[in-house]
Amino acid sequence: MLPLTVNDLLLSISAVLFLLGIVGIGCGVVILVTKVMGGDIKLITAQASDLAKKGIAEDVTGLVGNASKLVDSLNDLVRTASGVGIFLVIVGFVLMMTAYYLLIQIK
């Protein structure tokens, strides 16, 4: 069995927390870039707004209502994805700060 001192334990725990923080921040940034800035969502939103304009011009009320619901749903999807990304970034920073706090406890 390896002799493990308190300082060694604190150092290894802080290293693991730091790495988990880096992974959390990386995942959050990837989610923010890919999900929120995705081209598919922009394309669907543009087509839905064009569909709503066509429905207004041709006086088709059901088409306008459904297109507006689609745009609202896409906005909720973007907000949810950005919320998850921001949460992961914040958790990553908290993990990194915890790792730093453990490192300054080593004497």
C-alpha atoms as a PDB file:
ATOM      1  CA  MET A   1       0.000   0.000   0.000  1.00  0.00           C
ATOM      2  CA  LEU A   2       1.201   3.486  -0.850  1.00  0.00           C
ATOM      3  CA  PRO A   3       1.919   5.839   2.023  1.00  0.00           C
ATOM      4  CA  LEU A   4      -0.463   8.755   1.423  1.00  0.00           C
ATOM      5  CA  THR A   5      -0.136  11.935   3.432  1.00  0.00           C
ATOM      6  CA  VAL A   6      -2.793  14.582   3.861  1.00  0.00           C
ATOM      7  CA  ASN A   7      -0.907  16.883   1.502  1.00  0.00           C
ATOM      8  CA  ASP A   8      -0.781  14.193  -1.181  1.00  0.00           C
ATOM      9  CA  LEU A   9      -4.511  13.589  -0.789  1.00  0.00           C
ATOM     10  CA  LEU A  10      -5.311  17.296  -1.060  1.00  0.00           C
ATOM     11  CA  LEU A  11      -3.086  17.622  -4.094  1.00  0.00           C
ATOM     12  CA  SER A  12      -4.691  14.687  -5.901  1.00  0.00           C
ATOM     13  CA  ILE A  13      -8.233  15.833  -5.051  1.00  0.00           C
ATOM     14  CA  SER A  14      -7.483  19.350  -6.270  1.00  0.00           C
ATOM     15  CA  ALA A  15      -5.962  18.007  -9.492  1.00  0.00           C
ATOM     16  CA  VAL A  16      -9.083  15.928 -10.178  1.00  0.00           C
ATOM     17  CA  LEU A  17     -11.366  18.869  -9.385  1.00  0.00           C
ATOM     18  CA  PHE A  18      -9.348  21.134 -11.651  1.00  0.00           C
ATOM     19  CA  LEU A  19      -9.570  18.660 -14.534  1.00  0.00           C
ATOM     20  CA  LEU A  20     -13.321  18.249 -13.990  1.00  0.00           C
ATOM     21  CA  GLY A  21     -13.635  22.039 -14.034  1.00  0.00           C
ATOM     22  CA  ILE A  22     -11.785  22.238 -17.341  1.00  0.00           C
ATOM     23  CA  VAL A  23     -14.044  19.528 -18.795  1.00  0.00           C
ATOM     24  CA  GLY A  24     -17.161  21.312 -17.505  1.00  0.00           C
ATOM     25  CA  ILE A  25     -16.131  24.628 -19.014  1.00  0.00           C
ATOM     26  CA  GLY A  26     -15.240  22.932 -22.297  1.00  0.00           C
ATOM     27  CA  CYS A  27     -18.582  21.140 -22.511  1.00  0.00           C
ATOM     28  CA  GLY A  28     -20.455  24.337 -21.678  1.00  0.00           C
ATOM     29  CA  VAL A  29     -18.660  26.294 -24.372  1.00  0.00           C
ATOM     30  CA  VAL A  30     -19.252  23.539 -26.926  1.00  0.00           C
ATOM     31  CA  ILE A  31     -22.959  23.485 -26.081  1.00  0.00           C
ATOM     32  CA  LEU A  32     -23.182  27.258 -26.329  1.00  0.00           C
ATOM     33  CA  VAL A  33     -21.444  27.338 -29.695  1.00  0.00           C
ATOM     34  CA  THR A  34     -23.120  24.358 -31.360  1.00  0.00           C
ATOM     35  CA  LYS A  35     -26.661  24.404 -29.979  1.00  0.00           C
ATOM     36  CA  VAL A  36     -27.324  28.114 -29.749  1.00  0.00           C
ATOM     37  CA  MET A  37     -25.533  29.154 -32.908  1.00  0.00           C
ATOM     38  CA  GLY A  38     -26.686  26.149 -34.943  1.00  0.00           C
ATOM     39  CA  GLY A  39     -27.568  26.860 -38.550  1.00  0.00           C
ATOM     40  CA  ASP A  40     -30.549  24.518 -38.518  1.00  0.00           C
ATOM     41  CA  ILE A  41     -32.403  26.580 -35.930  1.00  0.00           C
ATOM     42  CA  LYS A  42     -31.760  29.785 -37.887  1.00  0.00           C
ATOM     43  CA  LEU A  43     -32.968  28.154 -41.099  1.00  0.00           C
ATOM     44  CA  ILE A  44     -36.177  26.844 -39.513  1.00  0.00           C
ATOM     45  CA  THR A  45     -36.852  30.223 -37.898  1.00  0.00           C
ATOM     46  CA  ALA A  46     -36.372  32.044 -41.210  1.00  0.00           C
ATOM     47  CA  GLN A  47     -38.650  29.613 -43.036  1.00  0.00           C
ATOM     48  CA  ALA A  48     -41.309  29.834 -40.328  1.00  0.00           C
ATOM     49  CA  SER A  49     -41.296  33.624 -40.493  1.00  0.00           C
ATOM     50  CA  ASP A  50     -41.580  33.475 -44.292  1.00  0.00           C
ATOM     51  CA  LEU A  51     -44.480  31.063 -43.869  1.00  0.00           C
ATOM     52  CA  ALA A  52     -46.161  33.431 -41.422  1.00  0.00           C
ATOM     53  CA  LYS A  53     -45.764  36.337 -43.850  1.00  0.00           C
ATOM     54  CA  LYS A  54     -47.284  34.247 -46.631  1.00  0.00           C
ATOM     55  CA  GLY A  55     -50.140  33.236 -44.354  1.00  0.00           C
ATOM     56  CA  ILE A  56     -50.861  36.871 -43.503  1.00  0.00           C
ATOM     57  CA  ALA A  57     -50.735  37.878 -47.182  1.00  0.00           C
ATOM     58  CA  GLU A  58     -53.133  35.098 -48.195  1.00  0.00           C
ATOM     59  CA  ASP A  59     -55.321  35.504 -45.089  1.00  0.00           C
ATOM     60  CA  VAL A  60     -54.765  31.997 -43.727  1.00  0.00           C
ATOM     61  CA  THR A  61     -55.092  32.400 -39.961  1.00  0.00           C
ATOM     62  CA  GLY A  62     -54.319  28.798 -39.004  1.00  0.00           C
ATOM     63  CA  LEU A  63     -51.040  28.911 -40.861  1.00  0.00           C
ATOM     64  CA  VAL A  64     -49.999  32.093 -39.080  1.00  0.00           C
ATOM     65  CA  GLY A  65     -50.871  30.640 -35.660  1.00  0.00           C
ATOM     66  CA  ASN A  66     -48.934  27.446 -36.240  1.00  0.00           C
ATOM     67  CA  ALA A  67     -45.913  29.314 -37.604  1.00  0.00           C
ATOM     68  CA  SER A  68     -45.842  31.611 -34.582  1.00  0.00           C
ATOM     69  CA  LYS A  69     -46.042  28.598 -32.233  1.00  0.00           C
ATOM     70  CA  LEU A  70     -43.113  27.039 -34.096  1.00  0.00           C
ATOM     71  CA  VAL A  71     -41.019  30.184 -33.703  1.00  0.00           C
ATOM     72  CA  ASP A  72     -41.890  30.366 -29.985  1.00  0.00           C
ATOM     73  CA  SER A  73     -40.890  26.719 -29.528  1.00  0.00           C
ATOM     74  CA  LEU A  74     -37.569  27.340 -31.264  1.00  0.00           C
ATOM     75  CA  ASN A  75     -36.895  30.334 -29.022  1.00  0.00           C
ATOM     76  CA  ASP A  76     -37.558  28.171 -25.956  1.00  0.00           C
ATOM     77  CA  LEU A  77     -35.183  25.539 -27.352  1.00  0.00           C
ATOM     78  CA  VAL A  78     -32.408  28.101 -27.780  1.00  0.00           C
ATOM     79  CA  ARG A  79     -32.967  29.464 -24.256  1.00  0.00           C
ATOM     80  CA  THR A  80     -32.820  25.970 -22.772  1.00  0.00           C
ATOM     81  CA  ALA A  81     -29.621  25.084 -24.626  1.00  0.00           C
ATOM     82  CA  SER A  82     -27.951  28.320 -23.598  1.00  0.00           C
ATOM     83  CA  GLY A  83     -29.062  27.794 -19.993  1.00  0.00           C
ATOM     84  CA  VAL A  84     -27.471  24.352 -19.898  1.00  0.00           C
ATOM     85  CA  GLY A  85     -24.260  25.715 -21.413  1.00  0.00           C
ATOM     86  CA  ILE A  86     -24.043  28.591 -18.949  1.00  0.00           C
ATOM     87  CA  PHE A  87     -24.753  26.224 -16.048  1.00  0.00           C
ATOM     88  CA  LEU A  88     -21.893  23.942 -17.106  1.00  0.00           C
ATOM     89  CA  VAL A  89     -19.513  26.883 -17.409  1.00  0.00           C
ATOM     90  CA  ILE A  90     -20.459  28.116 -13.921  1.00  0.00           C
ATOM     91  CA  VAL A  91     -20.060  24.622 -12.423  1.00  0.00           C
ATOM     92  CA  GLY A  92     -16.657  24.366 -14.108  1.00  0.00           C
ATOM     93  CA  PHE A  93     -15.519  27.644 -12.566  1.00  0.00           C
ATOM     94  CA  VAL A  94     -16.780  26.582  -9.137  1.00  0.00           C
ATOM     95  CA  LEU A  95     -14.859  23.302  -9.409  1.00  0.00           C
ATOM     96  CA  MET A  96     -11.705  25.175 -10.391  1.00  0.00           C
ATOM     97  CA  MET A  97     -12.089  27.608  -7.484  1.00  0.00           C
ATOM     98  CA  THR A  98     -12.584  24.676  -5.117  1.00  0.00           C
ATOM     99  CA  ALA A  99      -9.405  23.090  -6.453  1.00  0.00           C
ATOM    100  CA  TYR A 100      -7.538  26.348  -5.854  1.00  0.00           C
ATOM    101  CA  TYR A 101      -8.900  26.575  -2.322  1.00  0.00           C
ATOM    102  CA  LEU A 102      -7.676  23.040  -1.606  1.00  0.00           C
ATOM    103  CA  LEU A 103      -4.260  23.877  -3.047  1.00  0.00           C
ATOM    104  CA  ILE A 104      -3.778  26.861  -0.743  1.00  0.00           C
ATOM    105  CA  GLN A 105      -4.563  24.612   2.236  1.00  0.00           C
ATOM    106  CA  ILE A 106      -1.443  22.524   1.569  1.00  0.00           C
ATOM    107  CA  LYS A 107       1.377  23.483   3.911  1.00  0.00           C
END
